Amino acid sequence: MIVPIPYVHVGMGLLCIILSLPLILKRIPMNNAFGIRVQKAFISQQNWYAINAFGGKLILGFGLFLLGFSYLSKDLVPSPTSIWAPVFLITPLVIIIPIAIFINAFARRLPDC
């Protein structure tokens, strides 16, 4: 069974939203399993919560973007057997690259202590 591409975007968007909420609300203590994994986050609790809250907001925005994209593009989706289907599936995910850059830039501005 082939899952329609908009459903994949909705699922990924909902997953991003659900996983971002504890980060935004600063409910996740410093750990090695869940959170934004940059070196500066492990320097102090303040850095950990600041970086994870900032990253969580960006990930929440990304999840909302995926939901909106899936809704607005539902009439433009190529057939799952089309050569363009993988392109349509992967293209919105490219936005995660600037998100990672923004998180790293934010982390670099935090103190080293």
PDB file of N, CA and C in Angstrom:
ATOM      1  N   MET A   1       0.838  -1.177   0.000  1.00  0.00           N
ATOM      2  CA  MET A   1       0.000   0.000   0.000  1.00  0.00           C
ATOM      3  C   MET A   1       0.889   1.248   0.000  1.00  0.00           C
ATOM      4  N   ILE A   2       0.590   2.156  -0.890  1.00  0.00           N
ATOM      5  CA  ILE A   2       1.359   3.385  -1.010  1.00  0.00           C
ATOM      6  C   ILE A   2       0.626   4.504  -0.263  1.00  0.00           C
ATOM      7  N   VAL A   3       1.345   5.164   0.622  1.00  0.00           N
ATOM      8  CA  VAL A   3       0.771   6.270   1.390  1.00  0.00           C
ATOM      9  C   VAL A   3       0.850   7.533   0.536  1.00  0.00           C
ATOM     10  N   PRO A   4      -0.267   8.255   0.374  1.00  0.00           N
ATOM     11  CA  PRO A   4      -0.214   9.505  -0.400  1.00  0.00           C
ATOM     12  C   PRO A   4       0.759  10.504   0.223  1.00  0.00           C
ATOM     13  N   ILE A   5       1.459  11.218  -0.630  1.00  0.00           N
ATOM     14  CA  ILE A   5       2.501  12.153  -0.187  1.00  0.00           C
ATOM     15  C   ILE A   5       1.975  13.193   0.802  1.00  0.00           C
ATOM     16  N   PRO A   6       0.791  13.796   0.573  1.00  0.00           N
ATOM     17  CA  PRO A   6       0.327  14.772   1.570  1.00  0.00           C
ATOM     18  C   PRO A   6       0.161  14.161   2.964  1.00  0.00           C
ATOM     19  N   TYR A   7      -0.192  12.893   3.042  1.00  0.00           N
ATOM     20  CA  TYR A   7      -0.326  12.236   4.342  1.00  0.00           C
ATOM     21  C   TYR A   7       1.038  12.111   5.030  1.00  0.00           C
ATOM     22  N   VAL A   8       2.068  11.880   4.230  1.00  0.00           N
ATOM     23  CA  VAL A   8       3.424  11.798   4.789  1.00  0.00           C
ATOM     24  C   VAL A   8       3.815  13.163   5.364  1.00  0.00           C
ATOM     25  N   HIS A   9       3.532  14.234   4.617  1.00  0.00           N
ATOM     26  CA  HIS A   9       3.849  15.581   5.106  1.00  0.00           C
ATOM     27  C   HIS A   9       3.048  15.907   6.364  1.00  0.00           C
ATOM     28  N   VAL A  10       1.781  15.523   6.401  1.00  0.00           N
ATOM     29  CA  VAL A  10       0.967  15.768   7.601  1.00  0.00           C
ATOM     30  C   VAL A  10       1.539  14.999   8.784  1.00  0.00           C
ATOM     31  N   GLY A  11       1.883  13.747   8.585  1.00  0.00           N
ATOM     32  CA  GLY A  11       2.448  12.945   9.666  1.00  0.00           C
ATOM     33  C   GLY A  11       3.751  13.515  10.192  1.00  0.00           C
ATOM     34  N   MET A  12       4.617  13.931   9.280  1.00  0.00           N
ATOM     35  CA  MET A  12       5.891  14.512   9.703  1.00  0.00           C
ATOM     36  C   MET A  12       5.674  15.854  10.388  1.00  0.00           C
ATOM     37  N   GLY A  13       4.726  16.635   9.892  1.00  0.00           N
ATOM     38  CA  GLY A  13       4.416  17.915  10.518  1.00  0.00           C
ATOM     39  C   GLY A  13       3.885  17.743  11.928  1.00  0.00           C
ATOM     40  N   LEU A  14       2.959  16.808  12.099  1.00  0.00           N
ATOM     41  CA  LEU A  14       2.411  16.542  13.441  1.00  0.00           C
ATOM     42  C   LEU A  14       3.492  16.026  14.382  1.00  0.00           C
ATOM     43  N   LEU A  15       4.363  15.166  13.882  1.00  0.00           N
ATOM     44  CA  LEU A  15       5.455  14.653  14.707  1.00  0.00           C
ATOM     45  C   LEU A  15       6.382  15.789  15.150  1.00  0.00           C
ATOM     46  N   CYS A  16       6.708  16.697  14.235  1.00  0.00           N
ATOM     47  CA  CYS A  16       7.556  17.844  14.588  1.00  0.00           C
ATOM     48  C   CYS A  16       6.879  18.708  15.644  1.00  0.00           C
ATOM     49  N   ILE A  17       5.587  18.946  15.481  1.00  0.00           N
ATOM     50  CA  ILE A  17       4.855  19.777  16.445  1.00  0.00           C
ATOM     51  C   ILE A  17       4.845  19.120  17.817  1.00  0.00           C
ATOM     52  N   ILE A  18       4.536  17.842  17.861  1.00  0.00           N
ATOM     53  CA  ILE A  18       4.462  17.122  19.140  1.00  0.00           C
ATOM     54  C   ILE A  18       5.822  17.098  19.835  1.00  0.00           C
ATOM     55  N   LEU A  19       6.886  16.845  19.075  1.00  0.00           N
ATOM     56  CA  LEU A  19       8.222  16.770  19.674  1.00  0.00           C
ATOM     57  C   LEU A  19       8.780  18.134  20.056  1.00  0.00           C
ATOM     58  N   SER A  20       8.289  19.200  19.420  1.00  0.00           N
ATOM     59  CA  SER A  20       8.814  20.532  19.733  1.00  0.00           C
ATOM     60  C   SER A  20       8.212  21.122  21.010  1.00  0.00           C
ATOM     61  N   LEU A  21       7.006  20.744  21.348  1.00  0.00           N
ATOM     62  CA  LEU A  21       6.331  21.359  22.496  1.00  0.00           C
ATOM     63  C   LEU A  21       7.084  21.201  23.816  1.00  0.00           C
ATOM     64  N   PRO A  22       7.582  19.996  24.179  1.00  0.00           N
ATOM     65  CA  PRO A  22       8.334  19.912  25.431  1.00  0.00           C
ATOM     66  C   PRO A  22       9.625  20.728  25.409  1.00  0.00           C
ATOM     67  N   LEU A  23      10.206  20.914  24.229  1.00  0.00           N
ATOM     68  CA  LEU A  23      11.420  21.724  24.120  1.00  0.00           C
ATOM     69  C   LEU A  23      11.094  23.193  24.358  1.00  0.00           C
ATOM     70  N   ILE A  24      10.017  23.666  23.760  1.00  0.00           N
ATOM     71  CA  ILE A  24       9.610  25.061  23.927  1.00  0.00           C
ATOM     72  C   ILE A  24       9.242  25.345  25.381  1.00  0.00           C
ATOM     73  N   LEU A  25       8.563  24.404  25.997  1.00  0.00           N
ATOM     74  CA  LEU A  25       8.111  24.586  27.377  1.00  0.00           C
ATOM     75  C   LEU A  25       9.211  24.301  28.405  1.00  0.00           C
ATOM     76  N   LYS A  26      10.404  23.961  27.931  1.00  0.00           N
ATOM     77  CA  LYS A  26      11.572  23.693  28.785  1.00  0.00           C
ATOM     78  C   LYS A  26      11.286  22.572  29.784  1.00  0.00           C
ATOM     79  N   ARG A  27      10.682  21.500  29.297  1.00  0.00           N
ATOM     80  CA  ARG A  27      10.346  20.339  30.127  1.00  0.00           C
ATOM     81  C   ARG A  27      11.371  19.218  30.031  1.00  0.00           C
ATOM     82  N   ILE A  28      12.332  19.355  29.151  1.00  0.00           N
ATOM     83  CA  ILE A  28      13.309  18.291  28.932  1.00  0.00           C
ATOM     84  C   ILE A  28      14.632  18.687  29.572  1.00  0.00           C
ATOM     85  N   PRO A  29      15.022  18.001  30.649  1.00  0.00           N
ATOM     86  CA  PRO A  29      16.319  18.310  31.266  1.00  0.00           C
ATOM     87  C   PRO A  29      17.464  17.831  30.368  1.00  0.00           C
ATOM     88  N   MET A  30      18.658  18.303  30.655  1.00  0.00           N
ATOM     89  CA  MET A  30      19.833  17.916  29.883  1.00  0.00           C
ATOM     90  C   MET A  30      19.966  16.397  29.894  1.00  0.00           C
ATOM     91  N   ASN A  31      20.114  15.819  28.709  1.00  0.00           N
ATOM     92  CA  ASN A  31      20.217  14.367  28.564  1.00  0.00           C
ATOM     93  C   ASN A  31      20.940  14.059  27.264  1.00  0.00           C
ATOM     94  N   ASN A  32      21.175  12.790  27.034  1.00  0.00           N
ATOM     95  CA  ASN A  32      21.857  12.359  25.810  1.00  0.00           C
ATOM     96  C   ASN A  32      20.914  11.724  24.798  1.00  0.00           C
ATOM     97  N   ALA A  33      19.591  11.830  25.012  1.00  0.00           N
ATOM     98  CA  ALA A  33      18.659  11.143  24.126  1.00  0.00           C
ATOM     99  C   ALA A  33      17.739  12.081  23.346  1.00  0.00           C
ATOM    100  N   PHE A  34      17.299  13.185  23.934  1.00  0.00           N
ATOM    101  CA  PHE A  34      16.296  14.021  23.288  1.00  0.00           C
ATOM    102  C   PHE A  34      16.624  15.492  23.501  1.00  0.00           C
ATOM    103  N   GLY A  35      16.593  16.251  22.439  1.00  0.00           N
ATOM    104  CA  GLY A  35      16.867  17.675  22.499  1.00  0.00           C
ATOM    105  C   GLY A  35      17.748  18.090  21.335  1.00  0.00           C
ATOM    106  N   ILE A  36      18.097  19.361  21.316  1.00  0.00           N
ATOM    107  CA  ILE A  36      18.971  19.887  20.269  1.00  0.00           C
ATOM    108  C   ILE A  36      20.405  19.511  20.626  1.00  0.00           C
ATOM    109  N   ARG A  37      21.058  18.781  19.734  1.00  0.00           N
ATOM    110  CA  ARG A  37      22.362  18.206  20.023  1.00  0.00           C
ATOM    111  C   ARG A  37      23.488  19.086  19.482  1.00  0.00           C
ATOM    112  N   VAL A  38      23.761  20.196  20.114  1.00  0.00           N
ATOM    113  CA  VAL A  38      24.928  21.002  19.762  1.00  0.00           C
ATOM    114  C   VAL A  38      25.817  21.082  20.994  1.00  0.00           C
ATOM    115  N   GLN A  39      27.108  21.216  20.772  1.00  0.00           N
ATOM    116  CA  GLN A  39      28.075  21.172  21.865  1.00  0.00           C
ATOM    117  C   GLN A  39      27.803  22.249  22.912  1.00  0.00           C
ATOM    118  N   LYS A  40      27.432  23.426  22.491  1.00  0.00           N
ATOM    119  CA  LYS A  40      27.226  24.529  23.414  1.00  0.00           C
ATOM    120  C   LYS A  40      26.046  24.271  24.356  1.00  0.00           C
ATOM    121  N   ALA A  41      25.113  23.416  23.976  1.00  0.00           N
ATOM    122  CA  ALA A  41      23.957  23.117  24.833  1.00  0.00           C
ATOM    123  C   ALA A  41      24.375  22.362  26.083  1.00  0.00           C
ATOM    124  N   PHE A  42      25.482  21.647  26.021  1.00  0.00           N
ATOM    125  CA  PHE A  42      25.909  20.830  27.150  1.00  0.00           C
ATOM    126  C   PHE A  42      26.832  21.585  28.120  1.00  0.00           C
ATOM    127  N   ILE A  43      27.066  22.859  27.866  1.00  0.00           N
ATOM    128  CA  ILE A  43      27.942  23.651  28.735  1.00  0.00           C
ATOM    129  C   ILE A  43      27.248  24.001  30.041  1.00  0.00           C
ATOM    130  N   SER A  44      25.966  24.364  29.964  1.00  0.00           N
ATOM    131  CA  SER A  44      25.240  24.746  31.182  1.00  0.00           C
ATOM    132  C   SER A  44      23.744  24.481  30.995  1.00  0.00           C
ATOM    133  N   GLN A  45      23.043  24.452  32.114  1.00  0.00           N
ATOM    134  CA  GLN A  45      21.589  24.279  32.069  1.00  0.00           C
ATOM    135  C   GLN A  45      20.929  25.446  31.335  1.00  0.00           C
ATOM    136  N   GLN A  46      21.432  26.660  31.568  1.00  0.00           N
ATOM    137  CA  GLN A  46      20.854  27.832  30.916  1.00  0.00           C
ATOM    138  C   GLN A  46      20.982  27.720  29.391  1.00  0.00           C
ATOM    139  N   ASN A  47      22.159  27.329  28.925  1.00  0.00           N
ATOM    140  CA  ASN A  47      22.350  27.137  27.491  1.00  0.00           C
ATOM    141  C   ASN A  47      21.438  26.042  26.959  1.00  0.00           C
ATOM    142  N   TRP A  48      21.350  24.934  27.694  1.00  0.00           N
ATOM    143  CA  TRP A  48      20.515  23.810  27.274  1.00  0.00           C
ATOM    144  C   TRP A  48      19.077  24.266  27.028  1.00  0.00           C
ATOM    145  N   TYR A  49      18.511  24.932  28.011  1.00  0.00           N
ATOM    146  CA  TYR A  49      17.111  25.338  27.886  1.00  0.00           C
ATOM    147  C   TYR A  49      16.928  26.436  26.836  1.00  0.00           C
ATOM    148  N   ALA A  50      17.867  27.358  26.743  1.00  0.00           N
ATOM    149  CA  ALA A  50      17.756  28.426  25.744  1.00  0.00           C
ATOM    150  C   ALA A  50      17.827  27.868  24.324  1.00  0.00           C
ATOM    151  N   ILE A  51      18.793  27.004  24.078  1.00  0.00           N
ATOM    152  CA  ILE A  51      18.966  26.426  22.736  1.00  0.00           C
ATOM    153  C   ILE A  51      17.786  25.529  22.385  1.00  0.00           C
ATOM    154  N   ASN A  52      17.338  24.718  23.328  1.00  0.00           N
ATOM    155  CA  ASN A  52      16.230  23.822  23.040  1.00  0.00           C
ATOM    156  C   ASN A  52      14.908  24.573  22.855  1.00  0.00           C
ATOM    157  N   ALA A  53      14.708  25.654  23.603  1.00  0.00           N
ATOM    158  CA  ALA A  53      13.486  26.449  23.419  1.00  0.00           C
ATOM    159  C   ALA A  53      13.503  27.136  22.049  1.00  0.00           C
ATOM    160  N   PHE A  54      14.657  27.711  21.680  1.00  0.00           N
ATOM    161  CA  PHE A  54      14.781  28.367  20.381  1.00  0.00           C
ATOM    162  C   PHE A  54      14.597  27.342  19.250  1.00  0.00           C
ATOM    163  N   GLY A  55      15.309  26.221  19.344  1.00  0.00           N
ATOM    164  CA  GLY A  55      15.191  25.176  18.322  1.00  0.00           C
ATOM    165  C   GLY A  55      13.792  24.598  18.263  1.00  0.00           C
ATOM    166  N   GLY A  56      13.158  24.433  19.428  1.00  0.00           N
ATOM    167  CA  GLY A  56      11.791  23.922  19.463  1.00  0.00           C
ATOM    168  C   GLY A  56      10.827  24.839  18.730  1.00  0.00           C
ATOM    169  N   LYS A  57      11.010  26.152  18.868  1.00  0.00           N
ATOM    170  CA  LYS A  57      10.148  27.103  18.156  1.00  0.00           C
ATOM    171  C   LYS A  57      10.343  26.987  16.645  1.00  0.00           C
ATOM    172  N   LEU A  58      11.588  26.829  16.225  1.00  0.00           N
ATOM    173  CA  LEU A  58      11.843  26.661  14.791  1.00  0.00           C
ATOM    174  C   LEU A  58      11.253  25.349  14.278  1.00  0.00           C
ATOM    175  N   ILE A  59      11.370  24.289  15.060  1.00  0.00           N
ATOM    176  CA  ILE A  59      10.821  22.991  14.657  1.00  0.00           C
ATOM    177  C   ILE A  59       9.293  23.042  14.645  1.00  0.00           C
ATOM    178  N   LEU A  60       8.701  23.765  15.590  1.00  0.00           N
ATOM    179  CA  LEU A  60       7.249  23.958  15.584  1.00  0.00           C
ATOM    180  C   LEU A  60       6.833  24.677  14.305  1.00  0.00           C
ATOM    181  N   GLY A  61       7.549  25.728  13.946  1.00  0.00           N
ATOM    182  CA  GLY A  61       7.260  26.441  12.703  1.00  0.00           C
ATOM    183  C   GLY A  61       7.400  25.541  11.487  1.00  0.00           C
ATOM    184  N   PHE A  62       8.408  24.685  11.502  1.00  0.00           N
ATOM    185  CA  PHE A  62       8.602  23.736  10.401  1.00  0.00           C
ATOM    186  C   PHE A  62       7.435  22.757  10.317  1.00  0.00           C
ATOM    187  N   GLY A  63       6.975  22.267  11.471  1.00  0.00           N
ATOM    188  CA  GLY A  63       5.833  21.360  11.488  1.00  0.00           C
ATOM    189  C   GLY A  63       4.585  22.033  10.950  1.00  0.00           C
ATOM    190  N   LEU A  64       4.359  23.281  11.346  1.00  0.00           N
ATOM    191  CA  LEU A  64       3.200  24.021  10.835  1.00  0.00           C
ATOM    192  C   LEU A  64       3.329  24.271   9.334  1.00  0.00           C
ATOM    193  N   PHE A  65       4.556  24.550   8.888  1.00  0.00           N
ATOM    194  CA  PHE A  65       4.800  24.708   7.456  1.00  0.00           C
ATOM    195  C   PHE A  65       4.434  23.434   6.703  1.00  0.00           C
ATOM    196  N   LEU A  66       4.856  22.279   7.221  1.00  0.00           N
ATOM    197  CA  LEU A  66       4.547  21.016   6.544  1.00  0.00           C
ATOM    198  C   LEU A  66       3.043  20.779   6.476  1.00  0.00           C
ATOM    199  N   LEU A  67       2.321  21.108   7.550  1.00  0.00           N
ATOM    200  CA  LEU A  67       0.865  20.967   7.532  1.00  0.00           C
ATOM    201  C   LEU A  67       0.253  21.878   6.473  1.00  0.00           C
ATOM    202  N   GLY A  68       0.686  23.127   6.439  1.00  0.00           N
ATOM    203  CA  GLY A  68       0.173  24.062   5.441  1.00  0.00           C
ATOM    204  C   GLY A  68       0.535  23.647   4.027  1.00  0.00           C
ATOM    205  N   PHE A  69       1.771  23.195   3.852  1.00  0.00           N
ATOM    206  CA  PHE A  69       2.215  22.751   2.530  1.00  0.00           C
ATOM    207  C   PHE A  69       1.382  21.575   2.046  1.00  0.00           C
ATOM    208  N   SER A  70       1.123  20.630   2.925  1.00  0.00           N
ATOM    209  CA  SER A  70       0.341  19.460   2.514  1.00  0.00           C
ATOM    210  C   SER A  70      -1.079  19.863   2.130  1.00  0.00           C
ATOM    211  N   TYR A  71      -1.633  20.830   2.837  1.00  0.00           N
ATOM    212  CA  TYR A  71      -2.998  21.271   2.524  1.00  0.00           C
ATOM    213  C   TYR A  71      -3.038  22.071   1.216  1.00  0.00           C
ATOM    214  N   LEU A  72      -2.132  23.013   1.069  1.00  0.00           N
ATOM    215  CA  LEU A  72      -2.151  23.882  -0.106  1.00  0.00           C
ATOM    216  C   LEU A  72      -1.717  23.178  -1.390  1.00  0.00           C
ATOM    217  N   SER A  73      -0.939  22.125  -1.271  1.00  0.00           N
ATOM    218  CA  SER A  73      -0.430  21.455  -2.468  1.00  0.00           C
ATOM    219  C   SER A  73      -1.164  20.159  -2.787  1.00  0.00           C
ATOM    220  N   LYS A  74      -2.267  19.894  -2.102  1.00  0.00           N
ATOM    221  CA  LYS A  74      -2.948  18.609  -2.296  1.00  0.00           C
ATOM    222  C   LYS A  74      -3.420  18.396  -3.741  1.00  0.00           C
ATOM    223  N   ASP A  75      -3.705  19.472  -4.462  1.00  0.00           N
ATOM    224  CA  ASP A  75      -4.146  19.335  -5.849  1.00  0.00           C
ATOM    225  C   ASP A  75      -2.980  19.259  -6.832  1.00  0.00           C
ATOM    226  N   LEU A  76      -1.774  19.513  -6.368  1.00  0.00           N
ATOM    227  CA  LEU A  76      -0.600  19.512  -7.237  1.00  0.00           C
ATOM    228  C   LEU A  76       0.247  18.254  -7.109  1.00  0.00           C
ATOM    229  N   VAL A  77      -0.138  17.360  -6.209  1.00  0.00           N
ATOM    230  CA  VAL A  77       0.675  16.182  -5.909  1.00  0.00           C
ATOM    231  C   VAL A  77       0.731  15.245  -7.117  1.00  0.00           C
ATOM    232  N   PRO A  78       1.938  14.858  -7.523  1.00  0.00           N
ATOM    233  CA  PRO A  78       2.039  13.898  -8.623  1.00  0.00           C
ATOM    234  C   PRO A  78       1.631  12.496  -8.158  1.00  0.00           C
ATOM    235  N   SER A  79       1.368  11.658  -9.096  1.00  0.00           N
ATOM    236  CA  SER A  79       1.038  10.261  -8.796  1.00  0.00           C
ATOM    237  C   SER A  79       2.200   9.612  -8.051  1.00  0.00           C
ATOM    238  N   PRO A  80       1.918   8.698  -7.111  1.00  0.00           N
ATOM    239  CA  PRO A  80       3.019   8.043  -6.381  1.00  0.00           C
ATOM    240  C   PRO A  80       3.991   7.287  -7.285  1.00  0.00           C
ATOM    241  N   THR A  81       3.550   6.919  -8.469  1.00  0.00           N
ATOM    242  CA  THR A  81       4.437   6.203  -9.389  1.00  0.00           C
ATOM    243  C   THR A  81       5.180   7.147 -10.337  1.00  0.00           C
ATOM    244  N   SER A  82       4.893   8.449 -10.242  1.00  0.00           N
ATOM    245  CA  SER A  82       5.540   9.433 -11.104  1.00  0.00           C
ATOM    246  C   SER A  82       7.003   9.601 -10.706  1.00  0.00           C
ATOM    247  N   ILE A  83       7.811   9.982 -11.679  1.00  0.00           N
ATOM    248  CA  ILE A  83       9.214  10.249 -11.407  1.00  0.00           C
ATOM    249  C   ILE A  83       9.370  11.480 -10.513  1.00  0.00           C
ATOM    250  N   TRP A  84       8.361  12.362 -10.457  1.00  0.00           N
ATOM    251  CA  TRP A  84       8.406  13.580  -9.660  1.00  0.00           C
ATOM    252  C   TRP A  84       7.965  13.365  -8.221  1.00  0.00           C
ATOM    253  N   ALA A  85       7.412  12.214  -7.912  1.00  0.00           N
ATOM    254  CA  ALA A  85       6.928  11.954  -6.548  1.00  0.00           C
ATOM    255  C   ALA A  85       8.039  12.083  -5.499  1.00  0.00           C
ATOM    256  N   PRO A  86       9.229  11.496  -5.684  1.00  0.00           N
ATOM    257  CA  PRO A  86      10.284  11.674  -4.669  1.00  0.00           C
ATOM    258  C   PRO A  86      10.716  13.138  -4.509  1.00  0.00           C
ATOM    259  N   VAL A  87      10.735  13.871  -5.606  1.00  0.00           N
ATOM    260  CA  VAL A  87      11.109  15.283  -5.545  1.00  0.00           C
ATOM    261  C   VAL A  87      10.075  16.047  -4.718  1.00  0.00           C
ATOM    262  N   PHE A  88       8.809  15.791  -4.975  1.00  0.00           N
ATOM    263  CA  PHE A  88       7.733  16.465  -4.243  1.00  0.00           C
ATOM    264  C   PHE A  88       7.746  16.072  -2.774  1.00  0.00           C
ATOM    265  N   LEU A  89       8.151  14.863  -2.479  1.00  0.00           N
ATOM    266  CA  LEU A  89       8.207  14.387  -1.098  1.00  0.00           C
ATOM    267  C   LEU A  89       9.368  15.020  -0.334  1.00  0.00           C
ATOM    268  N   ILE A  90      10.520  15.139  -0.956  1.00  0.00           N
ATOM    269  CA  ILE A  90      11.744  15.570  -0.281  1.00  0.00           C
ATOM    270  C   ILE A  90      11.922  17.090  -0.273  1.00  0.00           C
ATOM    271  N   THR A  91      11.463  17.798  -1.288  1.00  0.00           N
ATOM    272  CA  THR A  91      11.719  19.235  -1.415  1.00  0.00           C
ATOM    273  C   THR A  91      11.357  20.050  -0.171  1.00  0.00           C
ATOM    274  N   PRO A  92      10.179  19.868   0.457  1.00  0.00           N
ATOM    275  CA  PRO A  92       9.883  20.671   1.650  1.00  0.00           C
ATOM    276  C   PRO A  92      10.830  20.389   2.814  1.00  0.00           C
ATOM    277  N   LEU A  93      11.443  19.222   2.817  1.00  0.00           N
ATOM    278  CA  LEU A  93      12.331  18.857   3.921  1.00  0.00           C
ATOM    279  C   LEU A  93      13.665  19.589   3.856  1.00  0.00           C
ATOM    280  N   VAL A  94      13.969  20.214   2.727  1.00  0.00           N
ATOM    281  CA  VAL A  94      15.215  20.964   2.578  1.00  0.00           C
ATOM    282  C   VAL A  94      15.241  22.147   3.547  1.00  0.00           C
ATOM    283  N   ILE A  95      14.077  22.601   4.001  1.00  0.00           N
ATOM    284  CA  ILE A  95      14.007  23.741   4.918  1.00  0.00           C
ATOM    285  C   ILE A  95      14.677  23.424   6.251  1.00  0.00           C
ATOM    286  N   ILE A  96      14.881  22.166   6.563  1.00  0.00           N
ATOM    287  CA  ILE A  96      15.533  21.803   7.824  1.00  0.00           C
ATOM    288  C   ILE A  96      16.992  22.284   7.836  1.00  0.00           C
ATOM    289  N   ILE A  97      17.592  22.487   6.674  1.00  0.00           N
ATOM    290  CA  ILE A  97      18.987  22.946   6.606  1.00  0.00           C
ATOM    291  C   ILE A  97      19.129  24.353   7.178  1.00  0.00           C
ATOM    292  N   PRO A  98      18.328  25.349   6.733  1.00  0.00           N
ATOM    293  CA  PRO A  98      18.467  26.663   7.370  1.00  0.00           C
ATOM    294  C   PRO A  98      18.076  26.654   8.845  1.00  0.00           C
ATOM    295  N   ILE A  99      17.170  25.777   9.235  1.00  0.00           N
ATOM    296  CA  ILE A  99      16.812  25.676  10.656  1.00  0.00           C
ATOM    297  C   ILE A  99      18.041  25.280  11.465  1.00  0.00           C
ATOM    298  N   ALA A 100      18.777  24.292  10.992  1.00  0.00           N
ATOM    299  CA  ALA A 100      19.996  23.866  11.685  1.00  0.00           C
ATOM    300  C   ALA A 100      21.028  25.000  11.724  1.00  0.00           C
ATOM    301  N   ILE A 101      21.118  25.770  10.651  1.00  0.00           N
ATOM    302  CA  ILE A 101      22.056  26.894  10.621  1.00  0.00           C
ATOM    303  C   ILE A 101      21.643  27.956  11.636  1.00  0.00           C
ATOM    304  N   PHE A 102      20.354  28.260  11.721  1.00  0.00           N
ATOM    305  CA  PHE A 102      19.865  29.254  12.691  1.00  0.00           C
ATOM    306  C   PHE A 102      20.108  28.803  14.129  1.00  0.00           C
ATOM    307  N   ILE A 103      19.918  27.522  14.399  1.00  0.00           N
ATOM    308  CA  ILE A 103      20.147  27.002  15.752  1.00  0.00           C
ATOM    309  C   ILE A 103      21.625  27.127  16.113  1.00  0.00           C
ATOM    310  N   ASN A 104      22.508  26.770  15.185  1.00  0.00           N
ATOM    311  CA  ASN A 104      23.945  26.888  15.449  1.00  0.00           C
ATOM    312  C   ASN A 104      24.357  28.342  15.636  1.00  0.00           C
ATOM    313  N   ALA A 105      23.801  29.247  14.850  1.00  0.00           N
ATOM    314  CA  ALA A 105      24.126  30.668  15.004  1.00  0.00           C
ATOM    315  C   ALA A 105      23.649  31.178  16.362  1.00  0.00           C
ATOM    316  N   PHE A 106      22.474  30.761  16.784  1.00  0.00           N
ATOM    317  CA  PHE A 106      21.958  31.147  18.093  1.00  0.00           C
ATOM    318  C   PHE A 106      22.863  30.600  19.200  1.00  0.00           C
ATOM    319  N   ALA A 107      23.270  29.342  19.079  1.00  0.00           N
ATOM    320  CA  ALA A 107      24.118  28.712  20.091  1.00  0.00           C
ATOM    321  C   ALA A 107      25.465  29.417  20.202  1.00  0.00           C
ATOM    322  N   ARG A 108      26.024  29.845  19.088  1.00  0.00           N
ATOM    323  CA  ARG A 108      27.327  30.531  19.118  1.00  0.00           C
ATOM    324  C   ARG A 108      27.277  31.843  19.881  1.00  0.00           C
ATOM    325  N   ARG A 109      26.111  32.477  19.929  1.00  0.00           N
ATOM    326  CA  ARG A 109      25.986  33.761  20.635  1.00  0.00           C
ATOM    327  C   ARG A 109      25.842  33.590  22.151  1.00  0.00           C
ATOM    328  N   LEU A 110      25.638  32.383  22.619  1.00  0.00           N
ATOM    329  CA  LEU A 110      25.475  32.150  24.060  1.00  0.00           C
ATOM    330  C   LEU A 110      26.830  32.091  24.745  1.00  0.00           C
ATOM    331  N   PRO A 111      26.872  32.366  26.059  1.00  0.00           N
ATOM    332  CA  PRO A 111      28.152  32.357  26.779  1.00  0.00           C
ATOM    333  C   PRO A 111      28.731  30.952  26.883  1.00  0.00           C
ATOM    334  N   ASP A 112      30.048  30.900  27.079  1.00  0.00           N
ATOM    335  CA  ASP A 112      30.754  29.620  27.206  1.00  0.00           C
ATOM    336  C   ASP A 112      30.795  29.105  28.638  1.00  0.00           C
ATOM    337  N   CYS A 113      30.143  29.761  29.547  1.00  0.00           N
ATOM    338  CA  CYS A 113      30.209  29.308  30.932  1.00  0.00           C
ATOM    339  C   CYS A 113      28.891  28.739  31.404  1.00  0.00           C
TER     340      CYS A 113
END
